[in-house]
Amino acid sequence: MKQNYRRCISCRQIAPKDSFWRLVKLHPSGQVELDRGMGRSAYICPQESCLQRARQKNKLGRSLKTIVPEQIYQRLWERLSDSKTETIPRDIK
């Protein structure tokens, strides 16, 4: 089966769809959600630099054609910190 590719709105990297976080402007409500729903979508790399650049330059808002609430950015930062703690090996004593 052919793999779907997407482009990060921040760094413009092209990669398989499942390597990005998906943000959706839901239709018809216009609310912004993570990972689910039908509507206008934007994809972003799960990297600190991409998230910072997207926030500073309002790349998510421009891509989704709406104002992205602060709660969405907070959830993305939480998700980023959670993914970092999962990849850091813990010392077993």
PDB file of N, CA and C in Angstrom:
ATOM      1  N   MET A   1       0.834  -1.179   0.000  1.00  0.00           N
ATOM      2  CA  MET A   1       0.000   0.000   0.000  1.00  0.00           C
ATOM      3  C   MET A   1       0.882   1.248   0.000  1.00  0.00           C
ATOM      4  N   LYS A   2       0.510   2.227  -0.779  1.00  0.00           N
ATOM      5  CA  LYS A   2       1.276   3.459  -0.893  1.00  0.00           C
ATOM      6  C   LYS A   2       1.151   4.289   0.382  1.00  0.00           C
ATOM      7  N   GLN A   3       2.289   4.788   0.859  1.00  0.00           N
ATOM      8  CA  GLN A   3       2.305   5.571   2.089  1.00  0.00           C
ATOM      9  C   GLN A   3       1.971   7.034   1.796  1.00  0.00           C
ATOM     10  N   ASN A   4       1.212   7.653   2.700  1.00  0.00           N
ATOM     11  CA  ASN A   4       0.851   9.065   2.564  1.00  0.00           C
ATOM     12  C   ASN A   4       1.936   9.949   3.169  1.00  0.00           C
ATOM     13  N   TYR A   5       2.312  10.994   2.446  1.00  0.00           N
ATOM     14  CA  TYR A   5       3.318  11.932   2.908  1.00  0.00           C
ATOM     15  C   TYR A   5       2.680  13.292   3.150  1.00  0.00           C
ATOM     16  N   ARG A   6       3.227  14.003   4.134  1.00  0.00           N
ATOM     17  CA  ARG A   6       2.768  15.344   4.450  1.00  0.00           C
ATOM     18  C   ARG A   6       3.984  16.237   4.654  1.00  0.00           C
ATOM     19  N   ARG A   7       3.739  17.555   4.720  1.00  0.00           N
ATOM     20  CA  ARG A   7       4.811  18.536   4.898  1.00  0.00           C
ATOM     21  C   ARG A   7       4.580  19.289   6.205  1.00  0.00           C
ATOM     22  N   CYS A   8       5.641  19.449   6.989  1.00  0.00           N
ATOM     23  CA  CYS A   8       5.580  20.228   8.225  1.00  0.00           C
ATOM     24  C   CYS A   8       5.378  21.699   7.872  1.00  0.00           C
ATOM     25  N   ILE A   9       4.449  22.359   8.541  1.00  0.00           N
ATOM     26  CA  ILE A   9       4.176  23.765   8.244  1.00  0.00           C
ATOM     27  C   ILE A   9       5.288  24.682   8.730  1.00  0.00           C
ATOM     28  N   SER A  10       6.150  24.167   9.594  1.00  0.00           N
ATOM     29  CA  SER A  10       7.206  24.995  10.154  1.00  0.00           C
ATOM     30  C   SER A  10       8.527  24.850   9.401  1.00  0.00           C
ATOM     31  N   CYS A  11       9.054  23.632   9.320  1.00  0.00           N
ATOM     32  CA  CYS A  11      10.358  23.423   8.686  1.00  0.00           C
ATOM     33  C   CYS A  11      10.247  22.975   7.231  1.00  0.00           C
ATOM     34  N   ARG A  12       9.030  22.674   6.774  1.00  0.00           N
ATOM     35  CA  ARG A  12       8.745  22.276   5.391  1.00  0.00           C
ATOM     36  C   ARG A  12       9.282  20.890   5.031  1.00  0.00           C
ATOM     37  N   GLN A  13       9.666  20.098   6.025  1.00  0.00           N
ATOM     38  CA  GLN A  13      10.155  18.746   5.786  1.00  0.00           C
ATOM     39  C   GLN A  13       9.002  17.860   5.328  1.00  0.00           C
ATOM     40  N   ILE A  14       9.265  16.987   4.358  1.00  0.00           N
ATOM     41  CA  ILE A  14       8.273  16.026   3.891  1.00  0.00           C
ATOM     42  C   ILE A  14       8.605  14.680   4.514  1.00  0.00           C
ATOM     43  N   ALA A  15       7.595  14.032   5.099  1.00  0.00           N
ATOM     44  CA  ALA A  15       7.789  12.744   5.759  1.00  0.00           C
ATOM     45  C   ALA A  15       6.456  12.000   5.779  1.00  0.00           C
ATOM     46  N   PRO A  16       6.474  10.710   6.139  1.00  0.00           N
ATOM     47  CA  PRO A  16       5.210   9.976   6.265  1.00  0.00           C
ATOM     48  C   PRO A  16       4.269  10.660   7.255  1.00  0.00           C
ATOM     49  N   LYS A  17       3.005  10.592   6.954  1.00  0.00           N
ATOM     50  CA  LYS A  17       1.961  11.280   7.715  1.00  0.00           C
ATOM     51  C   LYS A  17       2.006  10.968   9.210  1.00  0.00           C
ATOM     52  N   ASP A  18       2.311   9.716   9.564  1.00  0.00           N
ATOM     53  CA  ASP A  18       2.282   9.323  10.973  1.00  0.00           C
ATOM     54  C   ASP A  18       3.476   9.836  11.778  1.00  0.00           C
ATOM     55  N   SER A  19       4.431  10.497  11.147  1.00  0.00           N
ATOM     56  CA  SER A  19       5.561  11.056  11.886  1.00  0.00           C
ATOM     57  C   SER A  19       5.305  12.501  12.324  1.00  0.00           C
ATOM     58  N   PHE A  20       4.136  13.039  12.001  1.00  0.00           N
ATOM     59  CA  PHE A  20       3.769  14.410  12.360  1.00  0.00           C
ATOM     60  C   PHE A  20       2.614  14.418  13.355  1.00  0.00           C
ATOM     61  N   TRP A  21       2.428  15.576  13.984  1.00  0.00           N
ATOM     62  CA  TRP A  21       1.215  15.834  14.758  1.00  0.00           C
ATOM     63  C   TRP A  21       0.242  16.549  13.846  1.00  0.00           C
ATOM     64  N   ARG A  22      -1.005  16.162  13.914  1.00  0.00           N
ATOM     65  CA  ARG A  22      -2.034  16.745  13.054  1.00  0.00           C
ATOM     66  C   ARG A  22      -2.924  17.668  13.874  1.00  0.00           C
ATOM     67  N   LEU A  23      -3.143  18.865  13.370  1.00  0.00           N
ATOM     68  CA  LEU A  23      -4.081  19.812  13.965  1.00  0.00           C
ATOM     69  C   LEU A  23      -5.182  20.054  12.956  1.00  0.00           C
ATOM     70  N   VAL A  24      -6.416  20.127  13.437  1.00  0.00           N
ATOM     71  CA  VAL A  24      -7.567  20.234  12.546  1.00  0.00           C
ATOM     72  C   VAL A  24      -8.463  21.384  12.976  1.00  0.00           C
ATOM     73  N   LYS A  25      -8.862  22.179  12.011  1.00  0.00           N
ATOM     74  CA  LYS A  25      -9.920  23.175  12.225  1.00  0.00           C
ATOM     75  C   LYS A  25     -11.214  22.467  11.832  1.00  0.00           C
ATOM     76  N   LEU A  26     -11.996  22.095  12.842  1.00  0.00           N
ATOM     77  CA  LEU A  26     -13.200  21.300  12.616  1.00  0.00           C
ATOM     78  C   LEU A  26     -14.246  22.076  11.833  1.00  0.00           C
ATOM     79  N   HIS A  27     -14.920  21.357  10.973  1.00  0.00           N
ATOM     80  CA  HIS A  27     -16.001  21.952  10.181  1.00  0.00           C
ATOM     81  C   HIS A  27     -17.318  21.476  10.756  1.00  0.00           C
ATOM     82  N   PRO A  28     -18.289  22.254  11.021  1.00  0.00           N
ATOM     83  CA  PRO A  28     -18.460  23.680  10.764  1.00  0.00           C
ATOM     84  C   PRO A  28     -18.157  24.570  11.968  1.00  0.00           C
ATOM     85  N   SER A  29     -17.786  23.966  13.118  1.00  0.00           N
ATOM     86  CA  SER A  29     -17.628  24.767  14.345  1.00  0.00           C
ATOM     87  C   SER A  29     -16.428  25.713  14.300  1.00  0.00           C
ATOM     88  N   GLY A  30     -15.371  25.336  13.599  1.00  0.00           N
ATOM     89  CA  GLY A  30     -14.184  26.173  13.530  1.00  0.00           C
ATOM     90  C   GLY A  30     -13.226  25.982  14.692  1.00  0.00           C
ATOM     91  N   GLN A  31     -13.527  25.046  15.598  1.00  0.00           N
ATOM     92  CA  GLN A  31     -12.639  24.770  16.721  1.00  0.00           C
ATOM     93  C   GLN A  31     -11.394  24.047  16.227  1.00  0.00           C
ATOM     94  N   VAL A  32     -10.281  24.256  16.925  1.00  0.00           N
ATOM     95  CA  VAL A  32      -9.029  23.583  16.579  1.00  0.00           C
ATOM     96  C   VAL A  32      -8.824  22.421  17.542  1.00  0.00           C
ATOM     97  N   GLU A  33      -8.555  21.243  16.999  1.00  0.00           N
ATOM     98  CA  GLU A  33      -8.342  20.033  17.785  1.00  0.00           C
ATOM     99  C   GLU A  33      -7.069  19.342  17.323  1.00  0.00           C
ATOM    100  N   LEU A  34      -6.571  18.439  18.155  1.00  0.00           N
ATOM    101  CA  LEU A  34      -5.409  17.635  17.808  1.00  0.00           C
ATOM    102  C   LEU A  34      -5.849  16.254  17.333  1.00  0.00           C
ATOM    103  N   ASP A  35      -5.277  15.808  16.240  1.00  0.00           N
ATOM    104  CA  ASP A  35      -5.338  14.423  15.766  1.00  0.00           C
ATOM    105  C   ASP A  35      -6.675  13.871  15.300  1.00  0.00           C
ATOM    106  N   ARG A  36      -7.749  14.590  15.366  1.00  0.00           N
ATOM    107  CA  ARG A  36      -9.008  13.956  14.975  1.00  0.00           C
ATOM    108  C   ARG A  36      -9.943  14.963  14.328  1.00  0.00           C
ATOM    109  N   GLY A  37     -10.901  14.418  13.616  1.00  0.00           N
ATOM    110  CA  GLY A  37     -11.917  15.254  13.013  1.00  0.00           C
ATOM    111  C   GLY A  37     -11.676  15.523  11.545  1.00  0.00           C
ATOM    112  N   MET A  38     -12.734  16.017  10.914  1.00  0.00           N
ATOM    113  CA  MET A  38     -12.659  16.356   9.505  1.00  0.00           C
ATOM    114  C   MET A  38     -12.653  17.868   9.366  1.00  0.00           C
ATOM    115  N   GLY A  39     -11.873  18.342   8.442  1.00  0.00           N
ATOM    116  CA  GLY A  39     -11.780  19.770   8.203  1.00  0.00           C
ATOM    117  C   GLY A  39     -10.399  20.125   7.708  1.00  0.00           C
ATOM    118  N   ARG A  40     -10.062  21.384   7.764  1.00  0.00           N
ATOM    119  CA  ARG A  40      -8.749  21.866   7.309  1.00  0.00           C
ATOM    120  C   ARG A  40      -7.681  21.382   8.281  1.00  0.00           C
ATOM    121  N   SER A  41      -6.628  20.757   7.760  1.00  0.00           N
ATOM    122  CA  SER A  41      -5.574  20.177   8.595  1.00  0.00           C
ATOM    123  C   SER A  41      -4.235  20.859   8.375  1.00  0.00           C
ATOM    124  N   ALA A  42      -3.413  20.790   9.406  1.00  0.00           N
ATOM    125  CA  ALA A  42      -2.024  21.236   9.332  1.00  0.00           C
ATOM    126  C   ALA A  42      -1.189  20.199  10.071  1.00  0.00           C
ATOM    127  N   TYR A  43       0.011  19.970   9.593  1.00  0.00           N
ATOM    128  CA  TYR A  43       0.903  18.980  10.190  1.00  0.00           C
ATOM    129  C   TYR A  43       2.169  19.669  10.670  1.00  0.00           C
ATOM    130  N   ILE A  44       2.655  19.223  11.847  1.00  0.00           N
ATOM    131  CA  ILE A  44       3.864  19.812  12.419  1.00  0.00           C
ATOM    132  C   ILE A  44       4.735  18.702  13.000  1.00  0.00           C
ATOM    133  N   CYS A  45       6.049  18.870  12.855  1.00  0.00           N
ATOM    134  CA  CYS A  45       7.007  17.910  13.405  1.00  0.00           C
ATOM    135  C   CYS A  45       6.953  17.943  14.935  1.00  0.00           C
ATOM    136  N   PRO A  46       7.136  16.807  15.577  1.00  0.00           N
ATOM    137  CA  PRO A  46       7.186  16.801  17.043  1.00  0.00           C
ATOM    138  C   PRO A  46       8.571  17.203  17.549  1.00  0.00           C
ATOM    139  N   GLN A  47       8.999  18.408  17.193  1.00  0.00           N
ATOM    140  CA  GLN A  47      10.306  18.930  17.592  1.00  0.00           C
ATOM    141  C   GLN A  47      10.134  20.317  18.197  1.00  0.00           C
ATOM    142  N   GLU A  48      10.974  20.609  19.173  1.00  0.00           N
ATOM    143  CA  GLU A  48      10.891  21.898  19.866  1.00  0.00           C
ATOM    144  C   GLU A  48      11.085  23.074  18.909  1.00  0.00           C
ATOM    145  N   SER A  49      12.047  22.965  18.006  1.00  0.00           N
ATOM    146  CA  SER A  49      12.333  24.075  17.087  1.00  0.00           C
ATOM    147  C   SER A  49      11.147  24.361  16.166  1.00  0.00           C
ATOM    148  N   CYS A  50      10.483  23.318  15.688  1.00  0.00           N
ATOM    149  CA  CYS A  50       9.325  23.517  14.808  1.00  0.00           C
ATOM    150  C   CYS A  50       8.164  24.150  15.564  1.00  0.00           C
ATOM    151  N   LEU A  51       7.950  23.707  16.784  1.00  0.00           N
ATOM    152  CA  LEU A  51       6.857  24.257  17.580  1.00  0.00           C
ATOM    153  C   LEU A  51       7.112  25.724  17.928  1.00  0.00           C
ATOM    154  N   GLN A  52       8.349  26.058  18.282  1.00  0.00           N
ATOM    155  CA  GLN A  52       8.681  27.453  18.581  1.00  0.00           C
ATOM    156  C   GLN A  52       8.485  28.342  17.357  1.00  0.00           C
ATOM    157  N   ARG A  53       8.988  27.896  16.216  1.00  0.00           N
ATOM    158  CA  ARG A  53       8.884  28.690  14.988  1.00  0.00           C
ATOM    159  C   ARG A  53       7.423  28.855  14.576  1.00  0.00           C
ATOM    160  N   ALA A  54       6.648  27.793  14.702  1.00  0.00           N
ATOM    161  CA  ALA A  54       5.235  27.860  14.326  1.00  0.00           C
ATOM    162  C   ALA A  54       4.483  28.854  15.203  1.00  0.00           C
ATOM    163  N   ARG A  55       4.815  28.883  16.470  1.00  0.00           N
ATOM    164  CA  ARG A  55       4.133  29.803  17.384  1.00  0.00           C
ATOM    165  C   ARG A  55       4.570  31.247  17.147  1.00  0.00           C
ATOM    166  N   GLN A  56       5.863  31.469  16.999  1.00  0.00           N
ATOM    167  CA  GLN A  56       6.380  32.827  16.817  1.00  0.00           C
ATOM    168  C   GLN A  56       5.870  33.469  15.533  1.00  0.00           C
ATOM    169  N   LYS A  57       5.775  32.688  14.478  1.00  0.00           N
ATOM    170  CA  LYS A  57       5.388  33.237  13.180  1.00  0.00           C
ATOM    171  C   LYS A  57       3.930  32.951  12.818  1.00  0.00           C
ATOM    172  N   ASN A  58       3.150  32.464  13.788  1.00  0.00           N
ATOM    173  CA  ASN A  58       1.729  32.169  13.596  1.00  0.00           C
ATOM    174  C   ASN A  58       1.481  31.248  12.391  1.00  0.00           C
ATOM    175  N   LYS A  59       2.353  30.270  12.215  1.00  0.00           N
ATOM    176  CA  LYS A  59       2.234  29.374  11.066  1.00  0.00           C
ATOM    177  C   LYS A  59       1.001  28.477  11.168  1.00  0.00           C
ATOM    178  N   LEU A  60       0.645  28.051  12.379  1.00  0.00           N
ATOM    179  CA  LEU A  60      -0.561  27.228  12.539  1.00  0.00           C
ATOM    180  C   LEU A  60      -1.806  28.030  12.205  1.00  0.00           C
ATOM    181  N   GLY A  61      -1.881  29.237  12.711  1.00  0.00           N
ATOM    182  CA  GLY A  61      -3.037  30.089  12.450  1.00  0.00           C
ATOM    183  C   GLY A  61      -3.220  30.387  10.973  1.00  0.00           C
ATOM    184  N   ARG A  62      -2.115  30.666  10.290  1.00  0.00           N
ATOM    185  CA  ARG A  62      -2.203  30.950   8.853  1.00  0.00           C
ATOM    186  C   ARG A  62      -2.579  29.707   8.058  1.00  0.00           C
ATOM    187  N   SER A  63      -2.026  28.573   8.434  1.00  0.00           N
ATOM    188  CA  SER A  63      -2.326  27.348   7.709  1.00  0.00           C
ATOM    189  C   SER A  63      -3.782  26.916   7.904  1.00  0.00           C
ATOM    190  N   LEU A  64      -4.277  27.061   9.133  1.00  0.00           N
ATOM    191  CA  LEU A  64      -5.654  26.662   9.436  1.00  0.00           C
ATOM    192  C   LEU A  64      -6.663  27.771   9.157  1.00  0.00           C
ATOM    193  N   LYS A  65      -6.175  28.958   8.862  1.00  0.00           N
ATOM    194  CA  LYS A  65      -7.018  30.129   8.593  1.00  0.00           C
ATOM    195  C   LYS A  65      -7.954  30.436   9.761  1.00  0.00           C
ATOM    196  N   THR A  66      -7.383  30.408  10.960  1.00  0.00           N
ATOM    197  CA  THR A  66      -8.134  30.719  12.172  1.00  0.00           C
ATOM    198  C   THR A  66      -7.160  31.098  13.279  1.00  0.00           C
ATOM    199  N   ILE A  67      -7.682  31.581  14.385  1.00  0.00           N
ATOM    200  CA  ILE A  67      -6.864  31.872  15.557  1.00  0.00           C
ATOM    201  C   ILE A  67      -6.716  30.582  16.352  1.00  0.00           C
ATOM    202  N   VAL A  68      -5.477  30.205  16.620  1.00  0.00           N
ATOM    203  CA  VAL A  68      -5.208  28.979  17.376  1.00  0.00           C
ATOM    204  C   VAL A  68      -5.172  29.334  18.861  1.00  0.00           C
ATOM    205  N   PRO A  69      -6.047  28.718  19.668  1.00  0.00           N
ATOM    206  CA  PRO A  69      -6.095  29.039  21.100  1.00  0.00           C
ATOM    207  C   PRO A  69      -4.800  28.658  21.822  1.00  0.00           C
ATOM    208  N   GLU A  70      -4.517  29.364  22.890  1.00  0.00           N
ATOM    209  CA  GLU A  70      -3.324  29.109  23.701  1.00  0.00           C
ATOM    210  C   GLU A  70      -3.318  27.678  24.244  1.00  0.00           C
ATOM    211  N   GLN A  71      -4.501  27.125  24.533  1.00  0.00           N
ATOM    212  CA  GLN A  71      -4.589  25.766  25.068  1.00  0.00           C
ATOM    213  C   GLN A  71      -4.006  24.739  24.101  1.00  0.00           C
ATOM    214  N   ILE A  72      -4.137  24.969  22.815  1.00  0.00           N
ATOM    215  CA  ILE A  72      -3.590  24.041  21.818  1.00  0.00           C
ATOM    216  C   ILE A  72      -2.067  24.036  21.900  1.00  0.00           C
ATOM    217  N   TYR A  73      -1.468  25.219  21.998  1.00  0.00           N
ATOM    218  CA  TYR A  73      -0.013  25.290  22.127  1.00  0.00           C
ATOM    219  C   TYR A  73       0.452  24.626  23.423  1.00  0.00           C
ATOM    220  N   GLN A  74      -0.295  24.815  24.509  1.00  0.00           N
ATOM    221  CA  GLN A  74       0.057  24.182  25.778  1.00  0.00           C
ATOM    222  C   GLN A  74      -0.003  22.667  25.661  1.00  0.00           C
ATOM    223  N   ARG A  75      -1.037  22.153  24.996  1.00  0.00           N
ATOM    224  CA  ARG A  75      -1.148  20.706  24.807  1.00  0.00           C
ATOM    225  C   ARG A  75      -0.012  20.164  23.940  1.00  0.00           C
ATOM    226  N   LEU A  76       0.401  20.925  22.934  1.00  0.00           N
ATOM    227  CA  LEU A  76       1.529  20.500  22.098  1.00  0.00           C
ATOM    228  C   LEU A  76       2.829  20.467  22.901  1.00  0.00           C
ATOM    229  N   TRP A  77       3.053  21.485  23.746  1.00  0.00           N
ATOM    230  CA  TRP A  77       4.257  21.495  24.580  1.00  0.00           C
ATOM    231  C   TRP A  77       4.235  20.340  25.575  1.00  0.00           C
ATOM    232  N   GLU A  78       3.062  20.035  26.152  1.00  0.00           N
ATOM    233  CA  GLU A  78       2.947  18.899  27.075  1.00  0.00           C
ATOM    234  C   GLU A  78       3.249  17.595  26.351  1.00  0.00           C
ATOM    235  N   ARG A  79       2.714  17.455  25.169  1.00  0.00           N
ATOM    236  CA  ARG A  79       2.947  16.254  24.373  1.00  0.00           C
ATOM    237  C   ARG A  79       4.435  16.124  24.034  1.00  0.00           C
ATOM    238  N   LEU A  80       5.072  17.244  23.735  1.00  0.00           N
ATOM    239  CA  LEU A  80       6.501  17.233  23.424  1.00  0.00           C
ATOM    240  C   LEU A  80       7.315  16.814  24.646  1.00  0.00           C
ATOM    241  N   SER A  81       6.996  17.362  25.808  1.00  0.00           N
ATOM    242  CA  SER A  81       7.739  16.999  27.021  1.00  0.00           C
ATOM    243  C   SER A  81       7.478  15.546  27.406  1.00  0.00           C
ATOM    244  N   ASP A  82       6.261  15.045  27.185  1.00  0.00           N
ATOM    245  CA  ASP A  82       5.958  13.636  27.448  1.00  0.00           C
ATOM    246  C   ASP A  82       6.760  12.726  26.533  1.00  0.00           C
ATOM    247  N   SER A  83       6.882  13.093  25.278  1.00  0.00           N
ATOM    248  CA  SER A  83       7.626  12.252  24.339  1.00  0.00           C
ATOM    249  C   SER A  83       9.117  12.261  24.657  1.00  0.00           C
ATOM    250  N   LYS A  84       9.627  13.370  25.183  1.00  0.00           N
ATOM    251  CA  LYS A  84      11.038  13.421  25.567  1.00  0.00           C
ATOM    252  C   LYS A  84      11.309  12.528  26.769  1.00  0.00           C
ATOM    253  N   THR A  85      10.407  12.503  27.741  1.00  0.00           N
ATOM    254  CA  THR A  85      10.622  11.674  28.924  1.00  0.00           C
ATOM    255  C   THR A  85      10.503  10.197  28.590  1.00  0.00           C
ATOM    256  N   GLU A  86       9.720   9.850  27.577  1.00  0.00           N
ATOM    257  CA  GLU A  86       9.600   8.451  27.179  1.00  0.00           C
ATOM    258  C   GLU A  86      10.858   7.950  26.492  1.00  0.00           C
ATOM    259  N   THR A  87      11.566   8.807  25.780  1.00  0.00           N
ATOM    260  CA  THR A  87      12.744   8.375  25.033  1.00  0.00           C
ATOM    261  C   THR A  87      14.021   8.420  25.859  1.00  0.00           C
ATOM    262  N   ILE A  88      13.997   9.093  27.006  1.00  0.00           N
ATOM    263  CA  ILE A  88      15.183   9.156  27.857  1.00  0.00           C
ATOM    264  C   ILE A  88      15.224   7.897  28.716  1.00  0.00           C
ATOM    265  N   PRO A  89      16.292   7.086  28.596  1.00  0.00           N
ATOM    266  CA  PRO A  89      16.365   5.861  29.405  1.00  0.00           C
ATOM    267  C   PRO A  89      16.564   6.195  30.880  1.00  0.00           C
ATOM    268  N   ARG A  90      15.923   5.433  31.708  1.00  0.00           N
ATOM    269  CA  ARG A  90      16.053   5.625  33.150  1.00  0.00           C
ATOM    270  C   ARG A  90      17.122   4.681  33.682  1.00  0.00           C
ATOM    271  N   ASP A  91      17.873   5.153  34.667  1.00  0.00           N
ATOM    272  CA  ASP A  91      18.885   4.304  35.290  1.00  0.00           C
ATOM    273  C   ASP A  91      18.190   3.293  36.184  1.00  0.00           C
ATOM    274  N   ILE A  92      18.511   2.048  35.979  1.00  0.00           N
ATOM    275  CA  ILE A  92      17.923   0.980  36.792  1.00  0.00           C
ATOM    276  C   ILE A  92      18.965   0.560  37.813  1.00  0.00           C
ATOM    277  N   LYS A  93      18.601   0.683  39.077  1.00  0.00           N
ATOM    278  CA  LYS A  93      19.540   0.333  40.152  1.00  0.00           C
ATOM    279  C   LYS A  93      19.010  -0.811  40.953  1.00  0.00           C
TER     280      LYS A  93
END
